[in-house]
Amino acid sequence: MKIIDAHSHWLPEEVILNAHFYHKGWGLIDSQLKAMDEAGIDQAVLSYPTSDAFVKLGGHGAVAKAFNNNVARILKDHPSRFIGAAVLPADDQEELLREFKRSTEELGFKAISLATSYDGIYLDDARFLPLYKLAQEKKIPIFVHSQIVNPIGFERVQDPLLTPVIEYIFDTTICIGKLLMSDILRDCGTKFIFGYFGGVIPFLSHRFDATYQMLRGINFVKDLKGSPTDFLKNIYVDTSGDIRKANFLAALELLGPKHLLWGSDWPAKKDISGSINAVRNLEIAEEDKENILGGNLEKMFTS
């Protein structure tokens, strides 16, 4: 059985030194390889955790170049161990598309890494639509990480615990909701992979359908051409190092085992074995466990 980590991070020194949160431990690829070997992980996706480094570096384009160029070297040095998810400059549509082509056609990246929002602009914005078309055509999945710079609610509450626990998660939740309401989840075949079980979307599935039906009855909400959960089921989510059974069960109930991916959230979370065992201890078929731990993601990259 092949184990693939759908949610791990690495940052170049240039980003670490210009961001307010991260430390040198986020840039130690040898430590990550050691942890992977100890846990029996075959491959890991390297994606961007979002940061405020763009402020000091002069924009999102500078961050994209720094991250992508450095990760490209890691991919060259360890081609069988890592899968690159390229950062794109979301503030410039033309540059965004150029960097997509450069990273996927020249640097060897097989995925894209986006944040849930950019200064309050979510992924339903028209600037992203050409990217989604390209990603669908080239079968490039998009890993979506919660925005940690001014996420939803930050203007009211700024707290070192409440912001990451609640606001990051709700920025993810709103992002998915806006993709639903813009019909992107219905009409776009791009594979979106959201961190941490897709926020609280799995826990809101019944409320989505029941409230939608009530509001459609008085013509108060647009016609989605189906129930909200019909289209929410199109997303993929990763487990982000979680070990709580309730979160797994909620995600499985909405999405099923084929849309659930195991992820460690390294190096933010260190209990890799515990998060793997959380999957192995689920009362589901062994084949489903193997797919969650790596099979689903492997098929995504090879189909």
Protein backbone atom coordinates (compact mmCIF):
# COMPACT_ATOMS: atom_id res chain seq x y z
CA MET A 1 0.00 0.00 0.00
CA LYS A 2 1.34 3.40 -0.98
CA ILE A 3 0.94 6.26 1.51
CA ILE A 4 0.85 9.77 0.06
CA ASP A 5 0.65 12.85 2.26
CA ALA A 6 -1.81 15.29 0.69
CA HIS A 7 -1.02 18.14 3.07
CA SER A 8 2.56 18.99 3.94
CA HIS A 9 4.51 22.22 3.78
CA TRP A 10 8.00 23.45 3.09
CA LEU A 11 9.14 27.06 2.80
CA PRO A 12 12.30 28.63 1.36
CA GLU A 13 14.42 30.81 3.62
CA GLU A 14 13.42 33.91 1.66
CA VAL A 15 9.79 33.43 2.65
CA ILE A 16 10.53 32.40 6.25
CA LEU A 17 12.65 35.50 6.91
CA ASN A 18 9.97 37.82 5.53
CA ALA A 19 6.92 36.27 7.20
CA HIS A 20 5.83 36.99 10.74
CA PHE A 21 4.86 33.46 11.79
CA TYR A 22 7.20 30.83 10.36
CA HIS A 23 10.57 29.62 11.65
CA LYS A 24 13.48 27.68 10.18
CA GLY A 25 11.81 24.35 10.99
CA TRP A 26 9.51 24.97 8.04
CA GLY A 27 12.48 24.82 5.68
CA LEU A 28 14.19 21.58 6.71
CA ILE A 29 13.55 19.10 3.93
CA ASP A 30 15.89 16.50 5.44
CA SER A 31 13.83 16.52 8.64
CA GLN A 32 10.71 15.97 6.60
CA LEU A 33 12.27 13.07 4.72
CA LYS A 34 13.32 11.51 8.02
CA ALA A 35 9.80 11.86 9.43
CA MET A 36 8.34 10.39 6.24
CA ASP A 37 10.66 7.40 6.40
CA GLU A 38 9.85 6.77 10.05
CA ALA A 39 6.10 6.87 9.36
CA GLY A 40 6.28 4.84 6.16
CA ILE A 41 5.19 7.66 3.85
CA ASP A 42 6.12 7.14 0.20
CA GLN A 43 5.38 10.61 -1.15
CA ALA A 44 4.22 14.01 0.04
CA VAL A 45 2.65 17.01 -1.64
CA LEU A 46 4.52 20.22 -0.89
CA SER A 47 2.03 23.07 -0.81
CA TYR A 48 2.10 26.65 0.41
CA PRO A 49 0.58 27.41 3.84
CA THR A 50 0.02 31.11 2.92
CA SER A 51 1.92 33.89 4.66
CA ASP A 52 2.35 37.65 4.72
CA ALA A 53 5.81 37.47 3.10
CA PHE A 54 4.39 39.14 -0.01
CA VAL A 55 4.22 42.43 1.90
CA LYS A 56 8.00 42.66 2.39
CA LEU A 57 8.93 40.88 -0.83
CA GLY A 58 6.95 43.23 -3.03
CA GLY A 59 3.93 41.19 -4.03
CA HIS A 60 2.53 37.71 -4.59
CA GLY A 61 4.59 37.30 -7.75
CA ALA A 62 7.86 37.46 -5.82
CA VAL A 63 6.61 34.84 -3.36
CA ALA A 64 5.51 32.56 -6.20
CA LYS A 65 8.91 32.75 -7.88
CA ALA A 66 10.78 32.14 -4.60
CA PHE A 67 8.62 29.18 -3.62
CA ASN A 68 8.35 27.56 -7.04
CA ASN A 69 12.01 27.89 -7.97
CA ASN A 70 13.15 26.39 -4.67
CA VAL A 71 10.60 23.58 -4.63
CA ALA A 72 11.57 22.75 -8.23
CA ARG A 73 15.07 21.98 -6.94
CA ILE A 74 13.62 19.67 -4.29
CA LEU A 75 11.60 17.89 -6.95
CA LYS A 76 14.75 17.43 -9.02
CA ASP A 77 16.73 16.11 -6.04
CA HIS A 78 13.94 13.81 -4.76
CA PRO A 79 11.72 13.02 -7.77
CA SER A 80 10.12 9.95 -6.19
CA ARG A 81 9.37 11.50 -2.80
CA PHE A 82 7.68 14.83 -3.44
CA ILE A 83 4.88 16.28 -5.57
CA GLY A 84 4.96 20.02 -6.07
CA ALA A 85 1.93 22.31 -5.75
CA ALA A 86 2.92 25.62 -7.31
CA VAL A 87 2.06 29.02 -5.84
CA LEU A 88 0.43 31.47 -8.25
CA PRO A 89 0.29 35.30 -8.03
CA ALA A 90 -3.44 35.73 -7.53
CA ASP A 91 -3.30 39.53 -7.79
CA ASP A 92 -2.36 39.50 -11.49
CA GLN A 93 -4.42 37.31 -13.84
CA GLU A 94 -1.92 37.37 -16.71
CA GLU A 95 1.01 36.58 -14.46
CA LEU A 96 -1.06 33.92 -12.71
CA LEU A 97 -1.58 32.08 -15.99
CA ARG A 98 2.06 32.51 -17.03
CA GLU A 99 3.27 31.07 -13.75
CA PHE A 100 0.83 28.19 -14.07
CA LYS A 101 2.31 27.27 -17.43
CA ARG A 102 5.90 27.78 -16.29
CA SER A 103 5.51 25.70 -13.15
CA THR A 104 3.63 22.82 -14.77
CA GLU A 105 5.40 22.73 -18.14
CA GLU A 106 8.96 23.66 -17.18
CA LEU A 107 9.43 23.04 -13.44
CA GLY A 108 7.69 19.70 -13.01
CA PHE A 109 4.80 20.72 -10.74
CA LYS A 110 1.75 18.45 -10.85
CA ALA A 111 -0.58 20.57 -8.73
CA ILE A 112 -1.47 24.15 -7.80
CA SER A 113 -1.61 25.74 -4.36
CA LEU A 114 -4.14 28.52 -3.73
CA ALA A 115 -5.41 30.28 -0.62
CA THR A 116 -9.11 30.36 0.21
CA SER A 117 -9.13 34.13 -0.24
CA TYR A 118 -6.92 37.08 -1.09
CA ASP A 119 -7.70 40.31 0.74
CA GLY A 120 -11.35 39.31 0.88
CA ILE A 121 -11.53 38.07 -2.72
CA TYR A 122 -12.57 34.41 -2.85
CA LEU A 123 -11.96 31.75 -5.45
CA ASP A 124 -15.29 32.35 -7.21
CA ASP A 125 -13.86 35.59 -8.60
CA ALA A 126 -13.80 35.82 -12.42
CA ARG A 127 -10.02 36.20 -12.47
CA PHE A 128 -9.65 32.52 -11.56
CA LEU A 129 -11.96 31.06 -14.22
CA PRO A 130 -9.32 30.78 -16.98
CA LEU A 131 -7.06 29.00 -14.48
CA TYR A 132 -9.75 26.47 -13.67
CA LYS A 133 -10.25 25.78 -17.36
CA LEU A 134 -6.53 25.16 -17.85
CA ALA A 135 -6.29 23.04 -14.72
CA GLN A 136 -9.20 20.90 -15.87
CA GLU A 137 -7.72 20.45 -19.36
CA LYS A 138 -4.30 19.47 -18.01
CA LYS A 139 -5.72 17.43 -15.10
CA ILE A 140 -3.93 19.58 -12.52
CA PRO A 141 -5.59 19.44 -9.07
CA ILE A 142 -5.81 22.58 -6.96
CA PHE A 143 -4.92 22.33 -3.28
CA VAL A 144 -6.65 25.08 -1.30
CA HIS A 145 -5.23 26.17 2.05
CA SER A 146 -6.99 28.46 4.48
CA GLN A 147 -5.93 32.08 4.25
CA ILE A 148 -4.06 33.10 7.39
CA VAL A 149 -3.70 36.78 6.48
CA ASN A 150 -6.88 38.62 7.46
CA PRO A 151 -9.27 35.65 7.20
CA ILE A 152 -12.99 36.19 7.59
CA GLY A 153 -13.80 37.61 11.02
CA PHE A 154 -10.30 39.06 11.54
CA GLU A 155 -11.65 42.60 11.34
CA ARG A 156 -13.69 41.91 14.49
CA VAL A 157 -11.61 39.43 16.46
CA GLN A 158 -7.82 39.17 16.44
CA ASP A 159 -6.77 36.45 18.85
CA PRO A 160 -3.74 34.11 18.71
CA LEU A 161 -5.92 31.07 19.38
CA LEU A 162 -9.35 32.00 18.03
CA THR A 163 -8.04 33.22 14.68
CA PRO A 164 -6.35 29.93 13.64
CA VAL A 165 -8.94 27.67 15.26
CA ILE A 166 -12.07 29.44 14.04
CA GLU A 167 -11.34 32.10 11.43
CA TYR A 168 -9.05 30.00 9.24
CA ILE A 169 -11.68 27.25 9.19
CA PHE A 170 -14.51 29.60 8.34
CA ASP A 171 -12.52 31.22 5.56
CA THR A 172 -12.35 27.75 4.02
CA THR A 173 -16.07 27.23 4.63
CA ILE A 174 -17.04 30.53 2.98
CA CYS A 175 -14.74 29.81 0.05
CA ILE A 176 -16.48 26.50 -0.66
CA GLY A 177 -19.88 28.13 -0.19
CA LYS A 178 -19.06 30.84 -2.74
CA LEU A 179 -17.85 28.24 -5.24
CA LEU A 180 -21.20 26.51 -4.73
CA MET A 181 -23.29 29.65 -5.20
CA SER A 182 -21.33 30.72 -8.31
CA ASP A 183 -22.07 27.31 -9.93
CA ILE A 184 -18.35 26.53 -10.20
CA LEU A 185 -18.73 23.33 -8.21
CA ARG A 186 -21.57 22.31 -10.53
CA ASP A 187 -20.11 23.27 -13.89
CA CYS A 188 -16.35 23.11 -13.46
CA GLY A 189 -14.54 19.78 -13.60
CA THR A 190 -11.45 21.04 -11.81
CA LYS A 191 -10.49 18.96 -8.79
CA PHE A 192 -10.44 21.19 -5.69
CA ILE A 193 -8.81 19.76 -2.54
CA PHE A 194 -9.53 21.69 0.65
CA GLY A 195 -7.57 21.37 3.86
CA TYR A 196 -8.99 20.32 7.22
CA PHE A 197 -12.08 18.46 5.97
CA GLY A 198 -13.30 21.49 4.03
CA GLY A 199 -13.86 23.60 7.13
CA VAL A 200 -17.27 22.90 8.65
CA ILE A 201 -18.95 22.09 5.34
CA PRO A 202 -19.52 18.40 6.28
CA PHE A 203 -21.33 19.46 9.46
CA LEU A 204 -23.57 21.89 7.55
CA SER A 205 -24.72 19.54 4.80
CA HIS A 206 -28.26 19.00 6.11
CA ARG A 207 -28.64 22.69 6.90
CA PHE A 208 -27.56 23.58 3.36
CA ASP A 209 -30.24 21.38 1.80
CA ALA A 210 -33.04 22.16 4.26
CA THR A 211 -32.48 25.92 4.17
CA TYR A 212 -32.15 25.93 0.39
CA GLN A 213 -35.43 24.07 -0.02
CA MET A 214 -37.18 26.50 2.30
CA LEU A 215 -35.78 29.57 0.51
CA ARG A 216 -36.51 28.16 -2.95
CA GLY A 217 -40.11 27.71 -1.84
CA ILE A 218 -40.46 31.49 -1.55
CA ASN A 219 -38.15 32.20 -4.52
CA PHE A 220 -35.65 33.90 -2.22
CA VAL A 221 -32.52 32.13 -3.50
CA LYS A 222 -31.29 31.29 -7.00
CA ASP A 223 -32.05 27.92 -8.55
CA LEU A 224 -28.92 25.80 -8.19
CA LYS A 225 -30.37 23.10 -10.48
CA GLY A 226 -30.08 20.61 -7.64
CA SER A 227 -29.61 20.39 -3.91
CA PRO A 228 -26.47 22.08 -2.49
CA THR A 229 -25.02 18.76 -1.37
CA ASP A 230 -25.30 17.43 -4.93
CA PHE A 231 -22.47 19.83 -5.82
CA LEU A 232 -20.64 20.02 -2.50
CA LYS A 233 -19.93 16.32 -3.03
CA ASN A 234 -17.67 17.31 -5.93
CA ILE A 235 -14.93 18.68 -3.67
CA TYR A 236 -12.10 16.70 -2.12
CA VAL A 237 -10.86 17.30 1.40
CA ASP A 238 -7.80 16.28 3.36
CA THR A 239 -7.55 15.33 7.01
CA SER A 240 -4.80 17.81 7.94
CA GLY A 241 -3.31 15.71 10.72
CA ASP A 242 -6.61 15.29 12.57
CA ILE A 243 -7.26 12.23 14.71
CA ARG A 244 -10.87 12.82 15.83
CA LYS A 245 -13.30 10.17 14.61
CA ALA A 246 -16.24 12.57 14.45
CA ASN A 247 -14.55 14.69 11.78
CA PHE A 248 -13.82 11.63 9.65
CA LEU A 249 -17.39 10.37 9.96
CA ALA A 250 -18.92 13.70 8.97
CA ALA A 251 -16.66 13.95 5.92
CA LEU A 252 -17.35 10.35 4.94
CA GLU A 253 -21.11 10.87 5.25
CA LEU A 254 -21.10 13.84 2.86
CA LEU A 255 -18.26 13.01 0.47
CA GLY A 256 -17.67 9.28 0.70
CA PRO A 257 -14.24 7.60 0.97
CA LYS A 258 -13.18 8.42 -2.62
CA HIS A 259 -13.09 12.15 -1.90
CA LEU A 260 -11.20 11.97 1.39
CA LEU A 261 -7.40 12.25 1.41
CA TRP A 262 -5.03 11.70 4.31
CA GLY A 263 -2.75 14.63 5.11
CA SER A 264 -0.33 15.25 7.97
CA ASP A 265 -0.15 19.08 7.99
CA TRP A 266 3.61 18.76 8.56
CA PRO A 267 5.42 20.58 10.14
CA ALA A 268 2.55 22.36 11.90
CA LYS A 269 1.51 18.97 13.34
CA LYS A 270 3.99 16.30 14.34
CA ASP A 271 1.85 13.25 15.19
CA ILE A 272 2.05 11.68 11.77
CA SER A 273 1.58 8.11 12.99
CA GLY A 274 -1.44 9.11 15.06
CA SER A 275 -3.15 10.68 12.06
CA ILE A 276 -2.41 7.60 9.93
CA ASN A 277 -3.79 5.31 12.63
CA ALA A 278 -6.93 7.45 12.79
CA VAL A 279 -7.64 6.29 9.23
CA ARG A 280 -6.67 2.69 9.91
CA ASN A 281 -9.02 2.57 12.92
CA LEU A 282 -12.09 3.66 10.93
CA GLU A 283 -14.82 1.05 10.60
CA ILE A 284 -14.77 1.05 6.81
CA ALA A 285 -13.51 -1.35 4.17
CA GLU A 286 -9.75 -1.92 4.00
CA GLU A 287 -9.77 -0.82 0.38
CA ASP A 288 -11.32 2.50 1.40
CA LYS A 289 -8.64 3.00 4.08
CA GLU A 290 -5.90 2.35 1.51
CA ASN A 291 -7.48 4.81 -0.90
CA ILE A 292 -7.74 7.52 1.76
CA LEU A 293 -4.10 7.00 2.75
CA GLY A 294 -2.83 7.33 -0.79
CA GLY A 295 -4.82 5.53 -3.45
CA ASN A 296 -7.25 8.37 -4.13
CA LEU A 297 -4.46 10.87 -4.61
CA GLU A 298 -2.34 8.53 -6.70
CA LYS A 299 -5.27 8.01 -9.08
CA MET A 300 -5.71 11.75 -9.34
CA PHE A 301 -2.14 12.18 -10.54
CA THR A 302 -2.04 9.16 -12.83
CA SER A 303 -5.50 9.09 -14.45
